[in-house]
Amino acid sequence: MFDALTSYLDSIRARDPAPHSRWEILLYPGVLALGLHRVAHWLYEAKLYFLARLVNHFSRFLTAIDIHPGASIGKNFFIDHGFTVIGETAEIGDNVTIYQCVTLGGTNPANGIPGKRHPTIGDNAIIGSGAQVIGPIVVGNRARIGANAVVTDDVPEGATMIGLKARSTLVPAEEWMREFLPYGTPCEDPCAPSRDGVEKLESELAALRAEIAEMKAALAASAPTPARQPAKRSGTKRG
């Protein structure tokens, strides 16, 4: 059990550069909320719904994170900062990172049958702050959801999705956005400036400087030469 806890705390430290020790991570609201959710979920599966909800309310009071006792959550789940809502039938895979103010919300079926109404989040997915993932949709493994996106359709595996001005539609990111990683996630090459990109910018800057120098030289050559003024004679005027 101790080894499992140590591994979990180390997984958070790999995604968040802020903590200086594992002890500090133990005070994170996301860690406290997940620990209490494990207890609430065990009670929920034992059909002790009142006790499960009691633990849930206590957790929400302490952490401002609301995880329904029925939600299924895998290992190494990390909520950064908090203020997150996770619904009853949500399913979350392993090594998922969620930033603040995210909602894994559900739909209200017209037929009154609860059923599966919350999203399924694949392994190693990252959900940016303020995102709203609504309905029984599937977010694929290693998917990235941008901040403030409203997701109502499935997100393909490994895709990066960004919202359109708070509308409930999403578009696939362009080629240059596929390396998107939210702050605090493990990164190697994608987080460093691309050498090819830097060299391209330097080349364009040198070309612009040369073009400006040529324009200055052309303007100087085409400028008219000022006429010479006759020299004034010195001395007094004779009458």
C-alpha atoms as a PDB file:
ATOM      1  CA  MET A   1       0.000   0.000   0.000  1.00  0.00           C
ATOM      2  CA  PHE A   2       2.852   2.375   0.871  1.00  0.00           C
ATOM      3  CA  ASP A   3       4.552   1.648  -2.461  1.00  0.00           C
ATOM      4  CA  ALA A   4       1.296   2.332  -4.319  1.00  0.00           C
ATOM      5  CA  LEU A   5       0.876   5.672  -2.513  1.00  0.00           C
ATOM      6  CA  THR A   6       4.495   6.627  -3.214  1.00  0.00           C
ATOM      7  CA  SER A   7       4.080   5.767  -6.888  1.00  0.00           C
ATOM      8  CA  TYR A   8       0.910   7.866  -7.056  1.00  0.00           C
ATOM      9  CA  LEU A   9       2.539  10.895  -5.414  1.00  0.00           C
ATOM     10  CA  ASP A  10       5.532  10.594  -7.755  1.00  0.00           C
ATOM     11  CA  SER A  11       3.186  10.519 -10.758  1.00  0.00           C
ATOM     12  CA  ILE A  12       1.722  13.845  -9.620  1.00  0.00           C
ATOM     13  CA  ARG A  13       5.152  15.331  -9.025  1.00  0.00           C
ATOM     14  CA  ALA A  14       6.079  14.403 -12.603  1.00  0.00           C
ATOM     15  CA  ARG A  15       3.105  16.427 -13.855  1.00  0.00           C
ATOM     16  CA  ASP A  16       3.355  19.389 -11.487  1.00  0.00           C
ATOM     17  CA  PRO A  17       6.631  21.296 -10.905  1.00  0.00           C
ATOM     18  CA  ALA A  18       5.270  23.191  -7.859  1.00  0.00           C
ATOM     19  CA  PRO A  19       5.616  20.700  -4.955  1.00  0.00           C
ATOM     20  CA  HIS A  20       8.923  20.349  -3.125  1.00  0.00           C
ATOM     21  CA  SER A  21       8.147  17.032  -1.463  1.00  0.00           C
ATOM     22  CA  ARG A  22       5.662  14.177  -1.359  1.00  0.00           C
ATOM     23  CA  TRP A  23       4.358  15.445   1.974  1.00  0.00           C
ATOM     24  CA  GLU A  24       3.273  18.641   0.292  1.00  0.00           C
ATOM     25  CA  ILE A  25       1.372  16.721  -2.374  1.00  0.00           C
ATOM     26  CA  LEU A  26      -0.618  14.947   0.353  1.00  0.00           C
ATOM     27  CA  LEU A  27      -2.264  18.307   1.081  1.00  0.00           C
ATOM     28  CA  TYR A  28      -3.444  18.812  -2.501  1.00  0.00           C
ATOM     29  CA  PRO A  29      -7.252  19.023  -2.658  1.00  0.00           C
ATOM     30  CA  GLY A  30      -7.303  16.684  -5.645  1.00  0.00           C
ATOM     31  CA  VAL A  31      -5.399  14.027  -3.687  1.00  0.00           C
ATOM     32  CA  LEU A  32      -7.689  14.357  -0.672  1.00  0.00           C
ATOM     33  CA  ALA A  33     -10.783  14.237  -2.878  1.00  0.00           C
ATOM     34  CA  LEU A  34      -9.579  11.108  -4.667  1.00  0.00           C
ATOM     35  CA  GLY A  35      -8.731   9.347  -1.394  1.00  0.00           C
ATOM     36  CA  LEU A  36     -12.171  10.076   0.043  1.00  0.00           C
ATOM     37  CA  HIS A  37     -13.775   9.067  -3.242  1.00  0.00           C
ATOM     38  CA  ARG A  38     -12.152   5.630  -2.985  1.00  0.00           C
ATOM     39  CA  VAL A  39     -13.953   5.205   0.345  1.00  0.00           C
ATOM     40  CA  ALA A  40     -17.245   6.562  -0.993  1.00  0.00           C
ATOM     41  CA  HIS A  41     -17.061   4.365  -4.093  1.00  0.00           C
ATOM     42  CA  TRP A  42     -16.477   1.255  -1.954  1.00  0.00           C
ATOM     43  CA  LEU A  43     -19.567   2.138   0.098  1.00  0.00           C
ATOM     44  CA  TYR A  44     -21.530   2.834  -3.077  1.00  0.00           C
ATOM     45  CA  GLU A  45     -20.703  -0.573  -4.538  1.00  0.00           C
ATOM     46  CA  ALA A  46     -21.765  -2.138  -1.237  1.00  0.00           C
ATOM     47  CA  LYS A  47     -25.132  -0.373  -1.736  1.00  0.00           C
ATOM     48  CA  LEU A  48     -24.575   1.795   1.341  1.00  0.00           C
ATOM     49  CA  TYR A  49     -25.715   4.817  -0.597  1.00  0.00           C
ATOM     50  CA  PHE A  50     -26.396   7.127   2.343  1.00  0.00           C
ATOM     51  CA  LEU A  51     -22.940   6.594   3.841  1.00  0.00           C
ATOM     52  CA  ALA A  52     -21.360   6.952   0.400  1.00  0.00           C
ATOM     53  CA  ARG A  53     -23.124  10.262  -0.110  1.00  0.00           C
ATOM     54  CA  LEU A  54     -22.134  11.382   3.389  1.00  0.00           C
ATOM     55  CA  VAL A  55     -18.458  10.819   2.595  1.00  0.00           C
ATOM     56  CA  ASN A  56     -18.986  12.611  -0.723  1.00  0.00           C
ATOM     57  CA  HIS A  57     -20.434  15.679   1.007  1.00  0.00           C
ATOM     58  CA  PHE A  58     -17.602  15.720   3.530  1.00  0.00           C
ATOM     59  CA  SER A  59     -15.081  15.566   0.703  1.00  0.00           C
ATOM     60  CA  ARG A  60     -16.793  18.383  -1.163  1.00  0.00           C
ATOM     61  CA  PHE A  61     -16.790  20.516   2.005  1.00  0.00           C
ATOM     62  CA  LEU A  62     -13.038  20.013   2.433  1.00  0.00           C
ATOM     63  CA  THR A  63     -11.869  20.248  -1.175  1.00  0.00           C
ATOM     64  CA  ALA A  64     -14.545  21.998  -3.284  1.00  0.00           C
ATOM     65  CA  ILE A  65     -14.381  18.966  -5.586  1.00  0.00           C
ATOM     66  CA  ASP A  66     -17.577  17.012  -6.190  1.00  0.00           C
ATOM     67  CA  ILE A  67     -17.034  13.406  -7.317  1.00  0.00           C
ATOM     68  CA  HIS A  68     -20.155  11.273  -7.279  1.00  0.00           C
ATOM     69  CA  PRO A  69     -19.596   8.035  -5.336  1.00  0.00           C
ATOM     70  CA  GLY A  70     -20.656   6.021  -8.367  1.00  0.00           C
ATOM     71  CA  ALA A  71     -17.941   7.391 -10.664  1.00  0.00           C
ATOM     72  CA  SER A  72     -15.277   4.872 -11.686  1.00  0.00           C
ATOM     73  CA  ILE A  73     -11.709   6.232 -11.591  1.00  0.00           C
ATOM     74  CA  GLY A  74      -8.462   4.500 -12.577  1.00  0.00           C
ATOM     75  CA  LYS A  75      -4.990   4.858 -11.108  1.00  0.00           C
ATOM     76  CA  ASN A  76      -2.815   7.994 -10.961  1.00  0.00           C
ATOM     77  CA  PHE A  77      -5.758  10.362 -11.461  1.00  0.00           C
ATOM     78  CA  PHE A  78      -4.739  13.997 -10.859  1.00  0.00           C
ATOM     79  CA  ILE A  79      -7.018  17.012 -10.417  1.00  0.00           C
ATOM     80  CA  ASP A  80      -4.873  20.142 -10.428  1.00  0.00           C
ATOM     81  CA  HIS A  81      -6.233  22.863  -8.088  1.00  0.00           C
ATOM     82  CA  GLY A  82      -9.815  21.559  -8.003  1.00  0.00           C
ATOM     83  CA  PHE A  83     -13.340  23.015  -8.378  1.00  0.00           C
ATOM     84  CA  THR A  84     -14.252  20.001 -10.498  1.00  0.00           C
ATOM     85  CA  VAL A  85     -17.527  18.091 -10.881  1.00  0.00           C
ATOM     86  CA  ILE A  86     -17.612  14.426 -11.928  1.00  0.00           C
ATOM     87  CA  GLY A  87     -20.936  12.685 -12.469  1.00  0.00           C
ATOM     88  CA  GLU A  88     -22.238   9.309 -11.348  1.00  0.00           C
ATOM     89  CA  THR A  89     -21.694   7.242 -14.501  1.00  0.00           C
ATOM     90  CA  ALA A  90     -18.393   8.857 -15.490  1.00  0.00           C
ATOM     91  CA  GLU A  91     -15.543   6.449 -16.189  1.00  0.00           C
ATOM     92  CA  ILE A  92     -11.961   7.686 -16.014  1.00  0.00           C
ATOM     93  CA  GLY A  93      -8.944   5.669 -17.139  1.00  0.00           C
ATOM     94  CA  ASP A  94      -5.380   5.608 -15.861  1.00  0.00           C
ATOM     95  CA  ASN A  95      -2.969   8.564 -15.679  1.00  0.00           C
ATOM     96  CA  VAL A  96      -5.639  11.160 -16.504  1.00  0.00           C
ATOM     97  CA  THR A  97      -4.973  14.831 -15.716  1.00  0.00           C
ATOM     98  CA  ILE A  98      -7.798  17.329 -15.190  1.00  0.00           C
ATOM     99  CA  TYR A  99      -7.256  21.025 -14.562  1.00  0.00           C
ATOM    100  CA  GLN A 100      -9.452  23.331 -12.510  1.00  0.00           C
ATOM    101  CA  CYS A 101     -13.144  24.052 -13.124  1.00  0.00           C
ATOM    102  CA  VAL A 102     -13.785  21.011 -15.341  1.00  0.00           C
ATOM    103  CA  THR A 103     -17.204  19.341 -15.493  1.00  0.00           C
ATOM    104  CA  LEU A 104     -17.737  15.749 -16.566  1.00  0.00           C
ATOM    105  CA  GLY A 105     -21.472  16.262 -16.837  1.00  0.00           C
ATOM    106  CA  GLY A 106     -24.422  14.170 -17.865  1.00  0.00           C
ATOM    107  CA  THR A 107     -27.614  14.377 -19.872  1.00  0.00           C
ATOM    108  CA  ASN A 108     -31.182  14.225 -18.625  1.00  0.00           C
ATOM    109  CA  PRO A 109     -32.830  11.457 -20.670  1.00  0.00           C
ATOM    110  CA  ALA A 110     -36.364  12.216 -21.813  1.00  0.00           C
ATOM    111  CA  ASN A 111     -37.494   8.665 -21.055  1.00  0.00           C
ATOM    112  CA  GLY A 112     -36.555   9.023 -17.388  1.00  0.00           C
ATOM    113  CA  ILE A 113     -34.169   6.045 -17.451  1.00  0.00           C
ATOM    114  CA  PRO A 114     -30.840   7.081 -15.914  1.00  0.00           C
ATOM    115  CA  GLY A 115     -28.419   4.701 -17.657  1.00  0.00           C
ATOM    116  CA  LYS A 116     -25.018   5.815 -18.902  1.00  0.00           C
ATOM    117  CA  ARG A 117     -25.192   9.604 -19.171  1.00  0.00           C
ATOM    118  CA  HIS A 118     -21.667  10.787 -18.327  1.00  0.00           C
ATOM    119  CA  PRO A 119     -18.442  10.658 -20.380  1.00  0.00           C
ATOM    120  CA  THR A 120     -15.785   7.978 -20.547  1.00  0.00           C
ATOM    121  CA  ILE A 121     -12.222   9.340 -20.416  1.00  0.00           C
ATOM    122  CA  GLY A 122      -9.423   7.194 -21.855  1.00  0.00           C
ATOM    123  CA  ASP A 123      -5.965   6.587 -20.430  1.00  0.00           C
ATOM    124  CA  ASN A 124      -3.403   9.439 -20.394  1.00  0.00           C
ATOM    125  CA  ALA A 125      -5.988  12.032 -21.443  1.00  0.00           C
ATOM    126  CA  ILE A 126      -5.586  15.689 -20.456  1.00  0.00           C
ATOM    127  CA  ILE A 127      -8.544  18.055 -19.998  1.00  0.00           C
ATOM    128  CA  GLY A 128      -7.790  21.771 -19.838  1.00  0.00           C
ATOM    129  CA  SER A 129      -9.226  24.196 -17.301  1.00  0.00           C
ATOM    130  CA  GLY A 130     -12.865  25.186 -17.662  1.00  0.00           C
ATOM    131  CA  ALA A 131     -13.698  22.447 -20.159  1.00  0.00           C
ATOM    132  CA  GLN A 132     -17.212  20.981 -20.087  1.00  0.00           C
ATOM    133  CA  VAL A 133     -17.414  17.366 -21.259  1.00  0.00           C
ATOM    134  CA  ILE A 134     -21.102  16.522 -21.510  1.00  0.00           C
ATOM    135  CA  GLY A 135     -23.002  13.310 -22.132  1.00  0.00           C
ATOM    136  CA  PRO A 136     -22.118   9.636 -22.633  1.00  0.00           C
ATOM    137  CA  ILE A 137     -19.311  10.402 -25.067  1.00  0.00           C
ATOM    138  CA  VAL A 138     -15.872   8.801 -25.296  1.00  0.00           C
ATOM    139  CA  VAL A 139     -12.637  10.762 -25.004  1.00  0.00           C
ATOM    140  CA  GLY A 140      -9.939   8.519 -26.484  1.00  0.00           C
ATOM    141  CA  ASN A 141      -6.605   7.548 -24.990  1.00  0.00           C
ATOM    142  CA  ARG A 142      -3.969  10.317 -25.014  1.00  0.00           C
ATOM    143  CA  ALA A 143      -6.558  12.868 -26.170  1.00  0.00           C
ATOM    144  CA  ARG A 144      -6.142  16.546 -25.317  1.00  0.00           C
ATOM    145  CA  ILE A 145      -9.061  18.897 -24.682  1.00  0.00           C
ATOM    146  CA  GLY A 146      -8.295  22.612 -24.676  1.00  0.00           C
ATOM    147  CA  ALA A 147      -9.343  25.072 -21.990  1.00  0.00           C
ATOM    148  CA  ASN A 148     -12.993  26.218 -21.963  1.00  0.00           C
ATOM    149  CA  ALA A 149     -14.002  23.755 -24.672  1.00  0.00           C
ATOM    150  CA  VAL A 150     -17.553  22.395 -24.620  1.00  0.00           C
ATOM    151  CA  VAL A 151     -17.364  18.773 -25.750  1.00  0.00           C
ATOM    152  CA  THR A 152     -20.545  17.015 -26.838  1.00  0.00           C
ATOM    153  CA  ASP A 153     -19.082  14.566 -29.387  1.00  0.00           C
ATOM    154  CA  ASP A 154     -16.509  11.782 -29.160  1.00  0.00           C
ATOM    155  CA  VAL A 155     -12.851  12.825 -29.199  1.00  0.00           C
ATOM    156  CA  PRO A 156     -10.646  10.454 -31.255  1.00  0.00           C
ATOM    157  CA  GLU A 157      -7.671   8.742 -29.683  1.00  0.00           C
ATOM    158  CA  GLY A 158      -4.611  10.968 -29.577  1.00  0.00           C
ATOM    159  CA  ALA A 159      -6.489  13.994 -30.949  1.00  0.00           C
ATOM    160  CA  THR A 160      -6.290  17.558 -29.696  1.00  0.00           C
ATOM    161  CA  MET A 161      -9.596  19.412 -29.588  1.00  0.00           C
ATOM    162  CA  ILE A 162     -10.233  23.124 -29.118  1.00  0.00           C
ATOM    163  CA  GLY A 163     -13.508  24.976 -28.580  1.00  0.00           C
ATOM    164  CA  LEU A 164     -15.077  27.638 -30.793  1.00  0.00           C
ATOM    165  CA  LYS A 165     -15.910  30.716 -28.704  1.00  0.00           C
ATOM    166  CA  ALA A 166     -18.005  28.914 -26.089  1.00  0.00           C
ATOM    167  CA  ARG A 167     -20.153  27.206 -28.709  1.00  0.00           C
ATOM    168  CA  SER A 168     -20.950  23.547 -28.136  1.00  0.00           C
ATOM    169  CA  THR A 169     -18.932  22.457 -31.147  1.00  0.00           C
ATOM    170  CA  LEU A 170     -15.324  21.453 -31.521  1.00  0.00           C
ATOM    171  CA  VAL A 171     -12.841  21.300 -34.324  1.00  0.00           C
ATOM    172  CA  PRO A 172      -9.723  19.167 -34.710  1.00  0.00           C
ATOM    173  CA  ALA A 173      -6.620  21.208 -34.061  1.00  0.00           C
ATOM    174  CA  GLU A 174      -4.393  22.182 -36.955  1.00  0.00           C
ATOM    175  CA  GLU A 175      -1.080  20.405 -37.499  1.00  0.00           C
ATOM    176  CA  TRP A 176       0.815  22.908 -35.381  1.00  0.00           C
ATOM    177  CA  MET A 177      -1.529  22.351 -32.443  1.00  0.00           C
ATOM    178  CA  ARG A 178      -1.011  18.604 -32.163  1.00  0.00           C
ATOM    179  CA  GLU A 179       1.941  19.092 -29.832  1.00  0.00           C
ATOM    180  CA  PHE A 180      -0.255  20.989 -27.384  1.00  0.00           C
ATOM    181  CA  LEU A 181       0.425  20.077 -23.744  1.00  0.00           C
ATOM    182  CA  PRO A 182      -1.211  21.985 -20.883  1.00  0.00           C
ATOM    183  CA  TYR A 183       0.977  23.456 -18.188  1.00  0.00           C
ATOM    184  CA  GLY A 184       2.499  21.026 -15.735  1.00  0.00           C
ATOM    185  CA  THR A 185       2.348  17.860 -17.810  1.00  0.00           C
ATOM    186  CA  PRO A 186       5.430  15.746 -18.514  1.00  0.00           C
ATOM    187  CA  CYS A 187       7.172  16.928 -21.624  1.00  0.00           C
ATOM    188  CA  GLU A 188      10.434  16.582 -23.451  1.00  0.00           C
ATOM    189  CA  ASP A 189      10.799  17.808 -27.024  1.00  0.00           C
ATOM    190  CA  PRO A 190       7.300  19.340 -27.442  1.00  0.00           C
ATOM    191  CA  CYS A 191       7.950  21.757 -24.572  1.00  0.00           C
ATOM    192  CA  ALA A 192      11.263  23.018 -25.982  1.00  0.00           C
ATOM    193  CA  PRO A 193      11.394  25.453 -28.902  1.00  0.00           C
ATOM    194  CA  SER A 194      11.773  23.622 -32.188  1.00  0.00           C
ATOM    195  CA  ARG A 195      15.279  24.050 -33.646  1.00  0.00           C
ATOM    196  CA  ASP A 196      13.870  24.083 -37.159  1.00  0.00           C
ATOM    197  CA  GLY A 197      11.350  26.724 -36.138  1.00  0.00           C
ATOM    198  CA  VAL A 198      14.021  28.946 -34.580  1.00  0.00           C
ATOM    199  CA  GLU A 199      16.287  28.627 -37.628  1.00  0.00           C
ATOM    200  CA  LYS A 200      13.358  29.472 -39.901  1.00  0.00           C
ATOM    201  CA  LEU A 201      12.568  32.606 -37.886  1.00  0.00           C
ATOM    202  CA  GLU A 202      16.230  33.663 -37.904  1.00  0.00           C
ATOM    203  CA  SER A 203      16.386  33.175 -41.677  1.00  0.00           C
ATOM    204  CA  GLU A 204      13.237  35.238 -42.200  1.00  0.00           C
ATOM    205  CA  LEU A 205      14.595  37.969 -39.910  1.00  0.00           C
ATOM    206  CA  ALA A 206      17.883  38.131 -41.859  1.00  0.00           C
ATOM    207  CA  ALA A 207      15.976  38.351 -45.166  1.00  0.00           C
ATOM    208  CA  LEU A 208      13.824  41.196 -43.814  1.00  0.00           C
ATOM    209  CA  ARG A 209      16.883  43.078 -42.609  1.00  0.00           C
ATOM    210  CA  ALA A 210      18.561  42.703 -46.022  1.00  0.00           C
ATOM    211  CA  GLU A 211      15.393  43.895 -47.775  1.00  0.00           C
ATOM    212  CA  ILE A 212      15.167  46.957 -45.517  1.00  0.00           C
ATOM    213  CA  ALA A 213      18.830  47.768 -46.160  1.00  0.00           C
ATOM    214  CA  GLU A 214      18.256  47.555 -49.946  1.00  0.00           C
ATOM    215  CA  MET A 215      15.224  49.828 -49.698  1.00  0.00           C
ATOM    216  CA  LYS A 216      17.201  52.400 -47.707  1.00  0.00           C
ATOM    217  CA  ALA A 217      20.018  52.321 -50.256  1.00  0.00           C
ATOM    218  CA  ALA A 218      17.569  52.735 -53.144  1.00  0.00           C
ATOM    219  CA  LEU A 219      15.876  55.675 -51.461  1.00  0.00           C
ATOM    220  CA  ALA A 220      19.207  57.323 -50.768  1.00  0.00           C
ATOM    221  CA  ALA A 221      20.300  56.892 -54.408  1.00  0.00           C
ATOM    222  CA  SER A 222      17.058  58.304 -55.834  1.00  0.00           C
ATOM    223  CA  ALA A 223      16.937  61.325 -53.551  1.00  0.00           C
ATOM    224  CA  PRO A 224      17.640  64.657 -55.429  1.00  0.00           C
ATOM    225  CA  THR A 225      20.952  66.403 -54.711  1.00  0.00           C
ATOM    226  CA  PRO A 226      20.338  69.791 -53.026  1.00  0.00           C
ATOM    227  CA  ALA A 227      21.395  72.837 -55.128  1.00  0.00           C
ATOM    228  CA  ARG A 228      24.480  74.677 -53.990  1.00  0.00           C
ATOM    229  CA  GLN A 229      23.850  78.203 -52.707  1.00  0.00           C
ATOM    230  CA  PRO A 230      26.202  81.047 -53.931  1.00  0.00           C
ATOM    231  CA  ALA A 231      28.678  82.126 -51.326  1.00  0.00           C
ATOM    232  CA  LYS A 232      27.926  85.474 -49.702  1.00  0.00           C
ATOM    233  CA  ARG A 233      30.537  88.229 -50.017  1.00  0.00           C
ATOM    234  CA  SER A 234      31.815  89.756 -46.864  1.00  0.00           C
ATOM    235  CA  GLY A 235      32.575  93.414 -46.344  1.00  0.00           C
ATOM    236  CA  THR A 236      30.714  96.742 -46.396  1.00  0.00           C
ATOM    237  CA  LYS A 237      28.600  98.023 -49.279  1.00  0.00           C
ATOM    238  CA  ARG A 238      29.970 101.139 -51.055  1.00  0.00           C
ATOM    239  CA  GLY A 239      27.675 104.054 -51.868  1.00  0.00           C
END
